[in-house]
């Protein structure tokens, strides 16, 4: 028997496959957008944290540097005072004014300056011209010593801040890759031709891989 001319037509071959492929591309785009959105939020969050930590480290470095400068200034004042008292002491000794020399040495000088002069007097004519020299083992300007220690801490904080800043930059770079993924995945959904859709989705997937790698690298540094 032959089918009647007005009978129902058979479904066109491949129309179901085309619909399935369209749904697959939409599903792929949805997954790509969802994963990328999560990674973008994570990268932005980490970049903000590292930026805050970097700023905190730089501020701490600046505070320590100021403190070290203050201590160096205090050390300069102590050096000037010790030098002035030493000149007064030597002048009194040379003038034979024992009472003034004892007063300057025992009442006005610091313990460090007193010990330094004792070492200097023990050296005799072979010693340095003044007692406040580096080779004097009995003299230390504690302000200078503390300032040097704080300077090291300041430098360490500055280096830490630089590392944190670079780490935040890496998260920012990851966010750029991920933003490009969102763009390509989002625009792919407006095209009707599947080859355009898949081409843009593949580009988006590549950008997602780059962004993910950037996040992993930034997190590991």
N, C-alpha and C. Protein backbone atom coordinates (compact mmCIF):
# COMPACT_ATOMS: atom_id res chain seq x y z
N UNK A 1 0.85 -1.20 0.00
CA UNK A 1 0.00 0.00 0.00
C UNK A 1 0.88 1.25 0.00
N UNK A 2 0.39 2.26 -0.64
CA UNK A 2 1.13 3.54 -0.71
C UNK A 2 0.48 4.52 0.24
N UNK A 3 1.29 5.38 0.76
CA UNK A 3 0.77 6.38 1.70
C UNK A 3 -0.02 7.43 0.94
N UNK A 4 -1.01 7.90 1.57
CA UNK A 4 -1.85 8.92 0.95
C UNK A 4 -1.11 10.24 0.90
N UNK A 5 -1.40 11.03 -0.15
CA UNK A 5 -0.71 12.31 -0.27
C UNK A 5 -0.86 13.21 0.94
N UNK A 6 -1.93 13.17 1.65
CA UNK A 6 -2.15 14.09 2.78
C UNK A 6 -1.68 13.54 4.10
N UNK A 7 -1.03 12.37 4.09
CA UNK A 7 -0.60 11.75 5.36
C UNK A 7 0.53 12.51 6.03
N UNK A 8 0.81 12.23 7.30
CA UNK A 8 1.86 12.93 8.07
C UNK A 8 3.23 12.63 7.49
N UNK A 9 4.05 13.66 7.43
CA UNK A 9 5.40 13.48 6.91
C UNK A 9 6.32 12.96 8.00
N UNK A 10 7.30 12.17 7.57
CA UNK A 10 8.28 11.63 8.53
C UNK A 10 9.17 12.75 9.02
N UNK A 11 9.63 12.70 10.28
CA UNK A 11 10.51 13.75 10.80
C UNK A 11 11.81 13.82 10.04
N UNK A 12 12.27 15.05 9.82
CA UNK A 12 13.51 15.22 9.06
C UNK A 12 14.68 14.67 9.83
N UNK A 13 15.52 13.94 9.12
CA UNK A 13 16.66 13.35 9.79
C UNK A 13 17.63 14.41 10.29
N UNK A 14 18.12 14.23 11.50
CA UNK A 14 19.14 15.13 12.05
C UNK A 14 18.59 16.27 12.85
N UNK A 15 17.30 16.53 12.81
CA UNK A 15 16.78 17.67 13.57
C UNK A 15 16.92 17.44 15.06
N UNK A 16 16.73 16.21 15.48
CA UNK A 16 16.91 15.90 16.91
C UNK A 16 18.35 16.03 17.32
N UNK A 17 19.28 15.63 16.44
CA UNK A 17 20.71 15.76 16.76
C UNK A 17 21.09 17.22 16.91
N UNK A 18 20.55 18.06 16.03
CA UNK A 18 20.86 19.48 16.12
C UNK A 18 20.39 20.08 17.43
N UNK A 19 19.20 19.67 17.88
CA UNK A 19 18.69 20.17 19.15
C UNK A 19 19.54 19.70 20.31
N UNK A 20 20.00 18.44 20.25
CA UNK A 20 20.87 17.92 21.31
C UNK A 20 22.19 18.66 21.37
N UNK A 21 22.73 18.94 20.19
CA UNK A 21 24.00 19.67 20.16
C UNK A 21 23.84 21.08 20.71
N UNK A 22 22.70 21.72 20.39
CA UNK A 22 22.44 23.05 20.91
C UNK A 22 22.34 23.04 22.42
N UNK A 23 21.65 21.99 22.96
CA UNK A 23 21.53 21.90 24.42
C UNK A 23 22.89 21.64 25.06
N UNK A 24 23.71 20.84 24.38
CA UNK A 24 25.04 20.56 24.93
C UNK A 24 25.89 21.83 25.00
N UNK A 25 25.82 22.64 23.94
CA UNK A 25 26.59 23.88 23.93
C UNK A 25 26.10 24.84 25.02
N UNK A 26 24.77 24.88 25.23
CA UNK A 26 24.23 25.73 26.29
C UNK A 26 24.66 25.24 27.67
N UNK A 27 24.65 23.91 27.84
CA UNK A 27 25.09 23.34 29.12
C UNK A 27 26.56 23.64 29.36
N UNK A 28 27.36 23.48 28.31
CA UNK A 28 28.78 23.76 28.41
C UNK A 28 29.01 25.22 28.79
N UNK A 29 28.27 26.11 28.14
CA UNK A 29 28.39 27.54 28.44
C UNK A 29 27.98 27.84 29.88
N UNK A 30 26.92 27.20 30.34
CA UNK A 30 26.45 27.43 31.71
C UNK A 30 27.48 26.96 32.72
N UNK A 31 28.06 25.78 32.48
CA UNK A 31 29.08 25.26 33.39
C UNK A 31 30.31 26.17 33.38
N UNK A 32 30.70 26.60 32.18
CA UNK A 32 31.86 27.48 32.05
C UNK A 32 31.64 28.79 32.79
N UNK A 33 30.44 29.35 32.63
CA UNK A 33 30.14 30.61 33.31
C UNK A 33 30.11 30.44 34.83
N UNK A 34 29.52 29.33 35.29
CA UNK A 34 29.43 29.11 36.73
C UNK A 34 30.80 28.92 37.38
N UNK A 35 31.62 28.07 36.78
CA UNK A 35 32.96 27.81 37.33
C UNK A 35 33.80 29.09 37.30
N UNK A 36 33.70 29.80 36.19
CA UNK A 36 34.50 31.02 36.05
C UNK A 36 34.06 32.09 37.05
N UNK A 37 32.76 32.20 37.26
CA UNK A 37 32.26 33.19 38.22
C UNK A 37 32.80 32.90 39.63
N UNK A 38 32.83 31.64 40.02
CA UNK A 38 33.37 31.27 41.33
C UNK A 38 34.85 31.58 41.43
N UNK A 39 35.61 31.22 40.40
CA UNK A 39 37.05 31.49 40.42
C UNK A 39 37.34 32.99 40.40
N UNK A 40 36.54 33.74 39.65
CA UNK A 40 36.73 35.19 39.60
C UNK A 40 36.51 35.81 40.98
N UNK A 41 35.45 35.38 41.66
CA UNK A 41 35.18 35.89 43.00
C UNK A 41 36.31 35.54 43.96
N UNK A 42 36.83 34.31 43.83
CA UNK A 42 37.92 33.88 44.70
C UNK A 42 39.19 34.70 44.42
N UNK A 43 39.51 34.90 43.14
CA UNK A 43 40.71 35.67 42.78
C UNK A 43 40.60 37.11 43.27
N UNK A 44 39.43 37.70 43.11
CA UNK A 44 39.24 39.08 43.56
C UNK A 44 39.36 39.18 45.09
N UNK A 45 38.81 38.18 45.78
CA UNK A 45 38.89 38.15 47.25
C UNK A 45 40.34 38.03 47.70
N UNK A 46 41.10 37.14 47.07
CA UNK A 46 42.50 36.96 47.44
C UNK A 46 43.32 38.20 47.10
N UNK A 47 43.04 38.82 45.96
CA UNK A 47 43.75 40.04 45.59
C UNK A 47 43.52 41.15 46.62
N UNK A 48 42.28 41.25 47.11
CA UNK A 48 41.97 42.25 48.12
C UNK A 48 42.70 41.97 49.43
N UNK A 49 42.74 40.69 49.82
CA UNK A 49 43.44 40.32 51.05
C UNK A 49 44.93 40.63 50.95
N UNK A 50 45.55 40.20 49.84
CA UNK A 50 46.98 40.44 49.67
C UNK A 50 47.28 41.93 49.57
N UNK A 51 46.39 42.69 48.94
CA UNK A 51 46.60 44.13 48.88
C UNK A 51 46.57 44.76 50.26
N UNK A 52 45.62 44.32 51.10
CA UNK A 52 45.56 44.83 52.46
C UNK A 52 46.77 44.44 53.29
N UNK A 53 47.20 43.18 53.14
CA UNK A 53 48.39 42.72 53.87
C UNK A 53 49.64 43.46 53.42
N UNK A 54 49.71 43.71 52.12
CA UNK A 54 50.86 44.44 51.59
C UNK A 54 50.91 45.86 52.15
N UNK A 55 49.76 46.53 52.16
CA UNK A 55 49.70 47.89 52.70
C UNK A 55 50.08 47.90 54.18
N UNK A 56 49.60 46.91 54.92
CA UNK A 56 49.91 46.82 56.34
C UNK A 56 51.42 46.64 56.55
N UNK A 57 52.05 45.79 55.72
CA UNK A 57 53.49 45.56 55.84
C UNK A 57 54.28 46.83 55.51
N UNK A 58 53.85 47.54 54.47
CA UNK A 58 54.54 48.78 54.10
C UNK A 58 54.40 49.84 55.20
N UNK A 59 53.22 49.94 55.79
CA UNK A 59 53.01 50.89 56.88
C UNK A 59 53.86 50.54 58.09
N UNK A 60 53.96 49.25 58.39
CA UNK A 60 54.79 48.81 59.52
C UNK A 60 56.26 49.10 59.23
N UNK A 61 56.68 48.88 57.99
CA UNK A 61 58.06 49.19 57.60
C UNK A 61 58.35 50.68 57.78
N UNK A 62 57.40 51.51 57.38
CA UNK A 62 57.57 52.96 57.52
C UNK A 62 57.64 53.36 59.00
N UNK A 63 56.80 52.73 59.82
CA UNK A 63 56.81 53.03 61.26
C UNK A 63 58.14 52.66 61.88
N UNK A 64 58.63 51.48 61.53
CA UNK A 64 59.91 51.03 62.08
C UNK A 64 61.06 51.91 61.59
N UNK A 65 60.99 52.33 60.33
CA UNK A 65 62.04 53.20 59.80
C UNK A 65 62.07 54.54 60.54
N UNK A 66 60.88 55.07 60.85
CA UNK A 66 60.82 56.32 61.61
C UNK A 66 61.38 56.13 63.01
N UNK A 67 61.05 54.99 63.63
CA UNK A 67 61.56 54.70 64.97
C UNK A 67 63.08 54.58 64.95
N UNK A 68 63.63 53.92 63.92
CA UNK A 68 65.08 53.79 63.81
C UNK A 68 65.74 55.15 63.62
N UNK A 69 65.11 56.02 62.82
CA UNK A 69 65.66 57.36 62.61
C UNK A 69 65.68 58.16 63.92
N UNK A 70 64.63 58.00 64.72
CA UNK A 70 64.59 58.68 66.02
C UNK A 70 65.71 58.18 66.93
N UNK A 71 65.93 56.88 66.91
CA UNK A 71 66.99 56.31 67.75
C UNK A 71 68.37 56.76 67.27
N UNK A 72 68.55 56.84 65.96
CA UNK A 72 69.83 57.35 65.44
C UNK A 72 70.05 58.79 65.85
N UNK A 73 68.97 59.58 65.83
CA UNK A 73 69.07 60.96 66.30
C UNK A 73 69.44 61.03 67.77
N UNK A 74 68.82 60.14 68.57
CA UNK A 74 69.16 60.08 70.00
C UNK A 74 70.61 59.66 70.19
N UNK A 75 71.05 58.71 69.36
CA UNK A 75 72.45 58.28 69.43
C UNK A 75 73.41 59.41 69.10
N UNK A 76 73.05 60.24 68.11
CA UNK A 76 73.88 61.39 67.77
C UNK A 76 73.99 62.37 68.95
N UNK A 77 72.88 62.57 69.64
CA UNK A 77 72.89 63.46 70.80
C UNK A 77 73.78 62.89 71.90
N UNK A 78 73.68 61.58 72.10
CA UNK A 78 74.51 60.94 73.13
C UNK A 78 75.99 61.05 72.78
N UNK A 79 76.30 60.87 71.48
CA UNK A 79 77.69 60.99 71.05
C UNK A 79 78.20 62.40 71.28
N UNK A 80 77.39 63.38 70.91
CA UNK A 80 77.80 64.78 71.10
C UNK A 80 78.01 65.10 72.58
N UNK A 81 77.11 64.58 73.43
CA UNK A 81 77.24 64.82 74.87
C UNK A 81 78.49 64.17 75.42
N UNK A 82 78.74 62.92 75.01
CA UNK A 82 79.94 62.22 75.49
C UNK A 82 81.22 62.93 75.05
N UNK A 83 81.22 63.39 73.79
CA UNK A 83 82.40 64.10 73.29
C UNK A 83 82.63 65.40 74.07
N UNK A 84 81.55 66.12 74.33
CA UNK A 84 81.68 67.38 75.07
C UNK A 84 82.18 67.14 76.49
N UNK A 85 81.63 66.13 77.15
CA UNK A 85 82.07 65.82 78.52
C UNK A 85 83.50 65.32 78.54
N UNK A 86 83.87 64.57 77.50
CA UNK A 86 85.25 64.08 77.43
C UNK A 86 86.23 65.25 77.30
N UNK A 87 85.90 66.22 76.45
CA UNK A 87 86.75 67.39 76.31
C UNK A 87 86.85 68.14 77.63
N UNK A 88 85.72 68.29 78.32
CA UNK A 88 85.70 68.97 79.63
C UNK A 88 86.56 68.20 80.63
N UNK A 89 86.46 66.90 80.61
CA UNK A 89 87.24 66.06 81.54
C UNK A 89 88.74 66.18 81.26
N UNK A 90 89.13 66.04 79.99
CA UNK A 90 90.55 66.13 79.65
C UNK A 90 91.11 67.51 79.98
N UNK A 91 90.33 68.54 79.72
CA UNK A 91 90.76 69.90 80.02
C UNK A 91 91.00 70.07 81.52
N UNK A 92 90.09 69.51 82.32
CA UNK A 92 90.25 69.60 83.78
C UNK A 92 91.47 68.83 84.25
N UNK A 93 91.71 67.65 83.67
CA UNK A 93 92.88 66.85 84.05
C UNK A 93 94.16 67.59 83.71
N UNK A 94 94.23 68.13 82.50
CA UNK A 94 95.44 68.85 82.07
C UNK A 94 95.67 70.12 82.90
N UNK A 95 94.57 70.71 83.37
CA UNK A 95 94.69 71.92 84.21
C UNK A 95 94.97 71.57 85.66
N UNK A 96 94.95 70.29 86.00
CA UNK A 96 95.20 69.88 87.38
C UNK A 96 94.01 70.06 88.29
N UNK A 97 92.85 70.28 87.71
CA UNK A 97 91.63 70.49 88.50
C UNK A 97 91.01 69.12 88.75
N UNK A 98 91.52 68.44 89.77
CA UNK A 98 91.10 67.07 90.06
C UNK A 98 89.63 67.03 90.47
N UNK A 99 89.21 67.99 91.23
CA UNK A 99 87.82 68.00 91.71
C UNK A 99 86.84 68.09 90.55
N UNK A 100 87.13 68.98 89.60
CA UNK A 100 86.24 69.11 88.43
C UNK A 100 86.29 67.86 87.56
N UNK A 101 87.49 67.31 87.39
CA UNK A 101 87.63 66.10 86.58
C UNK A 101 86.83 64.94 87.18
N UNK A 102 86.92 64.78 88.52
CA UNK A 102 86.17 63.71 89.18
C UNK A 102 84.67 63.94 89.07
N UNK A 103 84.27 65.22 89.17
CA UNK A 103 82.83 65.52 89.08
C UNK A 103 82.29 65.19 87.69
N UNK A 104 83.02 65.61 86.66
CA UNK A 104 82.58 65.35 85.29
C UNK A 104 82.52 63.84 85.03
N UNK A 105 83.55 63.14 85.48
CA UNK A 105 83.63 61.71 85.19
C UNK A 105 82.62 60.90 86.00
N UNK A 106 82.47 61.20 87.27
CA UNK A 106 81.64 60.38 88.15
C UNK A 106 80.18 60.80 88.21
N UNK A 107 79.91 62.04 87.91
CA UNK A 107 78.54 62.54 88.08
C UNK A 107 77.83 62.86 86.77
N UNK A 108 78.57 63.28 85.76
CA UNK A 108 77.94 63.72 84.53
C UNK A 108 77.97 62.67 83.42
N UNK A 109 79.00 61.85 83.40
CA UNK A 109 79.14 60.88 82.31
C UNK A 109 78.23 59.67 82.52
N UNK A 110 77.80 59.10 81.41
CA UNK A 110 77.04 57.84 81.47
C UNK A 110 77.98 56.69 81.81
N UNK A 111 77.40 55.56 82.18
CA UNK A 111 78.22 54.39 82.50
C UNK A 111 79.05 53.95 81.30
N UNK A 112 78.46 54.05 80.10
CA UNK A 112 79.18 53.65 78.89
C UNK A 112 80.38 54.57 78.65
N UNK A 113 80.17 55.88 78.83
CA UNK A 113 81.27 56.82 78.62
C UNK A 113 82.36 56.63 79.67
N UNK A 114 81.95 56.34 80.90
CA UNK A 114 82.91 56.12 81.98
C UNK A 114 83.79 54.91 81.65
N UNK A 115 83.15 53.81 81.22
CA UNK A 115 83.91 52.61 80.88
C UNK A 115 84.81 52.86 79.67
N UNK A 116 84.34 53.64 78.71
CA UNK A 116 85.14 53.94 77.53
C UNK A 116 86.40 54.71 77.89
N UNK A 117 86.27 55.66 78.82
CA UNK A 117 87.44 56.46 79.22
C UNK A 117 88.42 55.61 80.01
N UNK A 118 87.93 54.70 80.81
CA UNK A 118 88.82 53.79 81.54
C UNK A 118 89.67 52.99 80.56
N UNK A 119 89.04 52.45 79.52
CA UNK A 119 89.79 51.69 78.51
C UNK A 119 90.79 52.59 77.81
N UNK A 120 90.37 53.81 77.44
CA UNK A 120 91.22 54.75 76.71
C UNK A 120 92.46 55.13 77.54
N UNK A 121 92.27 55.37 78.84
CA UNK A 121 93.40 55.73 79.70
C UNK A 121 94.37 54.57 79.86
N UNK A 122 93.82 53.34 79.82
CA UNK A 122 94.70 52.16 79.95
C UNK A 122 95.57 51.95 78.72
N UNK A 123 95.20 52.52 77.57
CA UNK A 123 95.98 52.33 76.34
C UNK A 123 97.25 53.17 76.32
N UNK A 124 97.26 54.24 77.08
CA UNK A 124 98.43 55.10 77.11
C UNK A 124 98.61 55.85 75.80
N UNK A 125 99.88 56.12 75.49
CA UNK A 125 100.18 56.91 74.29
C UNK A 125 99.91 56.14 73.00
N UNK A 126 99.83 54.82 73.09
CA UNK A 126 99.60 54.02 71.88
C UNK A 126 98.13 53.93 71.50
N UNK A 127 97.25 54.44 72.33
CA UNK A 127 95.82 54.33 72.08
C UNK A 127 95.32 55.40 71.14
N UNK A 128 94.03 55.36 70.81
CA UNK A 128 93.43 56.37 69.93
C UNK A 128 93.34 57.73 70.63
N UNK A 129 93.07 58.74 69.84
CA UNK A 129 93.00 60.10 70.40
C UNK A 129 91.79 60.28 71.30
N UNK A 130 90.71 59.57 71.01
CA UNK A 130 89.47 59.69 71.81
C UNK A 130 89.00 58.28 72.18
N UNK A 131 88.22 58.17 73.24
CA UNK A 131 87.78 56.83 73.66
C UNK A 131 86.58 56.28 72.89
N UNK A 132 85.87 57.16 72.22
CA UNK A 132 84.61 56.72 71.59
C UNK A 132 84.86 56.26 70.15
N UNK A 133 85.53 55.12 70.04
CA UNK A 133 85.89 54.56 68.75
C UNK A 133 85.42 53.10 68.67
N UNK A 134 85.36 52.57 67.46
CA UNK A 134 84.86 51.21 67.26
C UNK A 134 85.73 50.16 67.93
N UNK A 135 87.06 50.41 67.95
CA UNK A 135 87.95 49.39 68.52
C UNK A 135 87.89 49.34 70.05
N UNK A 136 87.17 50.27 70.65
CA UNK A 136 87.01 50.24 72.10
C UNK A 136 85.95 49.19 72.47
N UNK A 137 86.37 48.09 73.09
CA UNK A 137 85.41 47.03 73.41
C UNK A 137 84.47 47.38 74.56
N UNK A 138 84.80 48.45 75.28
CA UNK A 138 84.00 48.82 76.46
C UNK A 138 83.01 49.95 76.17
N UNK A 139 82.92 50.34 74.90
CA UNK A 139 81.99 51.42 74.58
C UNK A 139 81.01 50.99 73.50
N UNK A 140 79.74 51.16 73.82
CA UNK A 140 78.68 50.86 72.85
C UNK A 140 77.59 51.91 73.00
N UNK A 141 77.21 52.47 71.89
CA UNK A 141 76.08 53.39 71.90
C UNK A 141 74.81 52.56 71.66
N UNK A 142 74.09 52.30 72.72
CA UNK A 142 72.94 51.41 72.65
C UNK A 142 71.86 51.92 71.69
N UNK A 143 71.76 53.22 71.55
CA UNK A 143 70.76 53.78 70.63
C UNK A 143 71.08 53.38 69.19
N UNK A 144 72.37 53.42 68.85
CA UNK A 144 72.78 53.01 67.50
C UNK A 144 72.53 51.52 67.28
N UNK A 145 72.82 50.72 68.30
CA UNK A 145 72.63 49.27 68.19
C UNK A 145 71.15 48.95 67.99
N UNK A 146 70.30 49.57 68.80
CA UNK A 146 68.87 49.32 68.68
C UNK A 146 68.33 49.83 67.35
N UNK A 147 68.85 50.98 66.90
CA UNK A 147 68.42 51.53 65.62
C UNK A 147 68.78 50.58 64.48
N UNK A 148 69.95 49.98 64.53
CA UNK A 148 70.37 49.04 63.48
C UNK A 148 69.46 47.81 63.46
N UNK A 149 69.09 47.31 64.63
CA UNK A 149 68.19 46.16 64.70
C UNK A 149 66.82 46.49 64.12
N UNK A 150 66.31 47.66 64.46
CA UNK A 150 64.99 48.07 63.97
C UNK A 150 65.04 48.34 62.46
N UNK A 151 66.17 48.85 61.99
CA UNK A 151 66.33 49.06 60.55
C UNK A 151 66.23 47.73 59.80
N UNK A 152 66.82 46.68 60.35
CA UNK A 152 66.73 45.35 59.74
C UNK A 152 65.28 44.87 59.70
N UNK A 153 64.56 45.10 60.80
CA UNK A 153 63.15 44.72 60.84
C UNK A 153 62.34 45.50 59.80
N UNK A 154 62.66 46.79 59.67
CA UNK A 154 61.96 47.62 58.69
C UNK A 154 62.21 47.11 57.27
N UNK A 155 63.45 46.77 56.98
CA UNK A 155 63.77 46.26 55.65
C UNK A 155 63.06 44.94 55.38
N UNK A 156 63.01 44.08 56.41
CA UNK A 156 62.33 42.80 56.25
C UNK A 156 60.84 43.00 55.98
N UNK A 157 60.23 43.95 56.66
CA UNK A 157 58.81 44.24 56.44
C UNK A 157 58.58 44.81 55.04
N UNK A 158 59.52 45.63 54.58
CA UNK A 158 59.39 46.21 53.24
C UNK A 158 59.47 45.11 52.17
N UNK A 159 60.39 44.19 52.35
CA UNK A 159 60.52 43.07 51.41
C UNK A 159 59.26 42.20 51.45
N UNK A 160 58.73 41.96 52.66
CA UNK A 160 57.50 41.19 52.78
C UNK A 160 56.34 41.89 52.08
N UNK A 161 56.25 43.21 52.24
CA UNK A 161 55.20 43.96 51.57
C UNK A 161 55.30 43.87 50.06
N UNK A 162 56.53 43.89 49.54
CA UNK A 162 56.72 43.76 48.10
C UNK A 162 56.28 42.41 47.59
N UNK A 163 56.58 41.36 48.35
CA UNK A 163 56.17 40.01 47.94
C UNK A 163 54.64 39.88 47.95
N UNK A 164 54.02 40.43 48.99
CA UNK A 164 52.56 40.37 49.06
C UNK A 164 51.92 41.17 47.93
N UNK A 165 52.53 42.30 47.60
CA UNK A 165 52.00 43.12 46.51
C UNK A 165 52.08 42.37 45.18
N UNK A 166 53.20 41.69 44.94
CA UNK A 166 53.34 40.91 43.71
C UNK A 166 52.34 39.75 43.68
N UNK A 167 52.11 39.16 44.84
CA UNK A 167 51.13 38.07 44.91
C UNK A 167 49.74 38.57 44.57
N UNK A 168 49.39 39.74 45.09
CA UNK A 168 48.11 40.33 44.76
C UNK A 168 47.99 40.64 43.27
N UNK A 169 49.12 41.08 42.67
CA UNK A 169 49.11 41.34 41.22
C UNK A 169 48.84 40.07 40.43
N UNK A 170 49.36 38.95 40.91
CA UNK A 170 49.13 37.68 40.21
C UNK A 170 47.65 37.29 40.27
N UNK A 171 47.02 37.54 41.41
CA UNK A 171 45.58 37.28 41.50
C UNK A 171 44.79 38.23 40.59
N UNK A 172 45.25 39.46 40.48
CA UNK A 172 44.61 40.40 39.55
C UNK A 172 44.74 39.92 38.11
N UNK A 173 45.92 39.39 37.77
CA UNK A 173 46.12 38.86 36.43
C UNK A 173 45.19 37.67 36.17
N UNK A 174 45.03 36.82 37.18
CA UNK A 174 44.11 35.69 37.05
C UNK A 174 42.69 36.18 36.81
N UNK A 175 42.31 37.26 37.50
CA UNK A 175 40.97 37.81 37.33
C UNK A 175 40.76 38.34 35.91
N UNK A 176 41.83 38.84 35.29
CA UNK A 176 41.72 39.32 33.90
C UNK A 176 41.43 38.15 32.97
N UNK A 177 42.15 37.05 33.13
CA UNK A 177 41.90 35.86 32.32
C UNK A 177 40.47 35.36 32.52
N UNK A 178 40.03 35.35 33.77
CA UNK A 178 38.70 34.84 34.06
C UNK A 178 37.61 35.76 33.52
N UNK A 179 37.87 37.07 33.54
CA UNK A 179 36.91 38.01 32.96
C UNK A 179 36.76 37.77 31.46
N UNK A 180 37.88 37.46 30.81
CA UNK A 180 37.82 37.15 29.38
C UNK A 180 37.01 35.87 29.14
N UNK A 181 37.14 34.91 30.05
CA UNK A 181 36.34 33.69 29.93
C UNK A 181 34.85 33.99 30.02
N UNK A 182 34.49 34.84 30.97
CA UNK A 182 33.09 35.23 31.10
C UNK A 182 32.58 35.90 29.83
N UNK A 183 33.42 36.71 29.23
CA UNK A 183 33.02 37.41 28.01
C UNK A 183 32.76 36.41 26.88
N UNK A 184 33.73 35.52 26.63
CA UNK A 184 33.58 34.59 25.51
C UNK A 184 32.45 33.59 25.75
N UNK A 185 32.32 33.10 27.00
CA UNK A 185 31.25 32.16 27.28
C UNK A 185 29.88 32.83 27.20
N UNK A 186 29.82 34.07 27.63
CA UNK A 186 28.55 34.77 27.58
C UNK A 186 28.12 35.12 26.17
N UNK A 187 29.06 35.58 25.34
CA UNK A 187 28.70 35.98 23.99
C UNK A 187 28.41 34.77 23.10
N UNK A 188 28.96 33.61 23.50
CA UNK A 188 28.73 32.40 22.69
C UNK A 188 27.25 32.03 22.66
N UNK A 189 26.53 32.37 23.71
CA UNK A 189 25.12 31.96 23.81
C UNK A 189 24.21 32.74 22.87
N UNK A 190 24.68 33.86 22.31
CA UNK A 190 23.80 34.65 21.44
C UNK A 190 23.93 34.26 19.98
N UNK A 191 24.90 33.41 19.67
CA UNK A 191 25.07 32.97 18.28
C UNK A 191 24.20 31.75 18.01
N UNK A 192 23.64 31.68 16.81
CA UNK A 192 22.81 30.54 16.43
C UNK A 192 23.64 29.42 15.80
N UNK A 193 24.68 29.79 15.12
CA UNK A 193 25.50 28.77 14.48
C UNK A 193 26.38 28.07 15.50
N UNK A 194 26.33 26.76 15.44
CA UNK A 194 27.04 25.97 16.44
C UNK A 194 28.54 26.14 16.36
N UNK A 195 29.07 26.27 15.15
CA UNK A 195 30.52 26.39 15.04
C UNK A 195 31.03 27.66 15.69
N UNK A 196 30.24 28.75 15.61
CA UNK A 196 30.62 29.97 16.28
C UNK A 196 30.54 29.79 17.81
N UNK A 197 29.47 29.11 18.24
CA UNK A 197 29.31 28.85 19.66
C UNK A 197 30.49 28.08 20.22
N UNK A 198 30.80 26.97 19.56
CA UNK A 198 31.87 26.12 20.07
C UNK A 198 33.23 26.80 19.96
N UNK A 199 33.43 27.59 18.92
CA UNK A 199 34.71 28.30 18.79
C UNK A 199 34.91 29.26 19.97
N UNK A 200 33.84 30.01 20.28
CA UNK A 200 33.94 30.95 21.40
C UNK A 200 34.05 30.22 22.73
N UNK A 201 33.34 29.12 22.87
CA UNK A 201 33.43 28.35 24.12
C UNK A 201 34.81 27.74 24.30
N UNK A 202 35.41 27.31 23.21
CA UNK A 202 36.77 26.76 23.31
C UNK A 202 37.75 27.85 23.72
N UNK A 203 37.60 29.04 23.12
CA UNK A 203 38.45 30.15 23.52
C UNK A 203 38.25 30.46 25.01
N UNK A 204 36.99 30.47 25.42
CA UNK A 204 36.69 30.71 26.84
C UNK A 204 37.31 29.66 27.73
N UNK A 205 37.28 28.38 27.29
CA UNK A 205 37.86 27.31 28.08
C UNK A 205 39.37 27.48 28.21
N UNK A 206 40.00 27.93 27.12
CA UNK A 206 41.45 28.18 27.16
C UNK A 206 41.76 29.30 28.15
N UNK A 207 40.98 30.37 28.10
CA UNK A 207 41.17 31.47 29.03
C UNK A 207 40.93 31.02 30.47
N UNK A 208 39.95 30.13 30.65
CA UNK A 208 39.69 29.60 31.98
C UNK A 208 40.88 28.80 32.47
N UNK A 209 41.49 28.01 31.61
CA UNK A 209 42.67 27.24 32.00
C UNK A 209 43.81 28.18 32.39
N UNK A 210 43.98 29.26 31.61
CA UNK A 210 45.01 30.23 31.96
C UNK A 210 44.73 30.91 33.28
N UNK A 211 43.47 31.28 33.51
CA UNK A 211 43.11 31.91 34.77
C UNK A 211 43.28 30.98 35.95
N UNK A 212 42.91 29.71 35.76
CA UNK A 212 43.07 28.73 36.84
C UNK A 212 44.54 28.53 37.17
N UNK A 213 45.37 28.45 36.12
CA UNK A 213 46.82 28.31 36.34
C UNK A 213 47.37 29.52 37.10
N UNK A 214 46.90 30.70 36.73
CA UNK A 214 47.36 31.92 37.41
C UNK A 214 46.95 31.92 38.87
N UNK A 215 45.74 31.44 39.17
CA UNK A 215 45.29 31.36 40.55
C UNK A 215 46.14 30.38 41.34
N UNK A 216 46.41 29.22 40.74
CA UNK A 216 47.23 28.21 41.43
C UNK A 216 48.64 28.74 41.69
N UNK A 217 49.22 29.39 40.69
CA UNK A 217 50.57 29.93 40.85
C UNK A 217 50.60 31.03 41.93
N UNK A 218 49.61 31.91 41.88
CA UNK A 218 49.55 32.98 42.87
C UNK A 218 49.36 32.44 44.27
N UNK A 219 48.51 31.42 44.40
CA UNK A 219 48.25 30.84 45.71
C UNK A 219 49.46 30.11 46.26
N UNK A 220 50.30 29.60 45.38
CA UNK A 220 51.47 28.84 45.82
C UNK A 220 52.68 29.69 46.13
N UNK A 221 52.65 30.99 45.78
CA UNK A 221 53.80 31.84 46.02
C UNK A 221 53.73 32.51 47.38
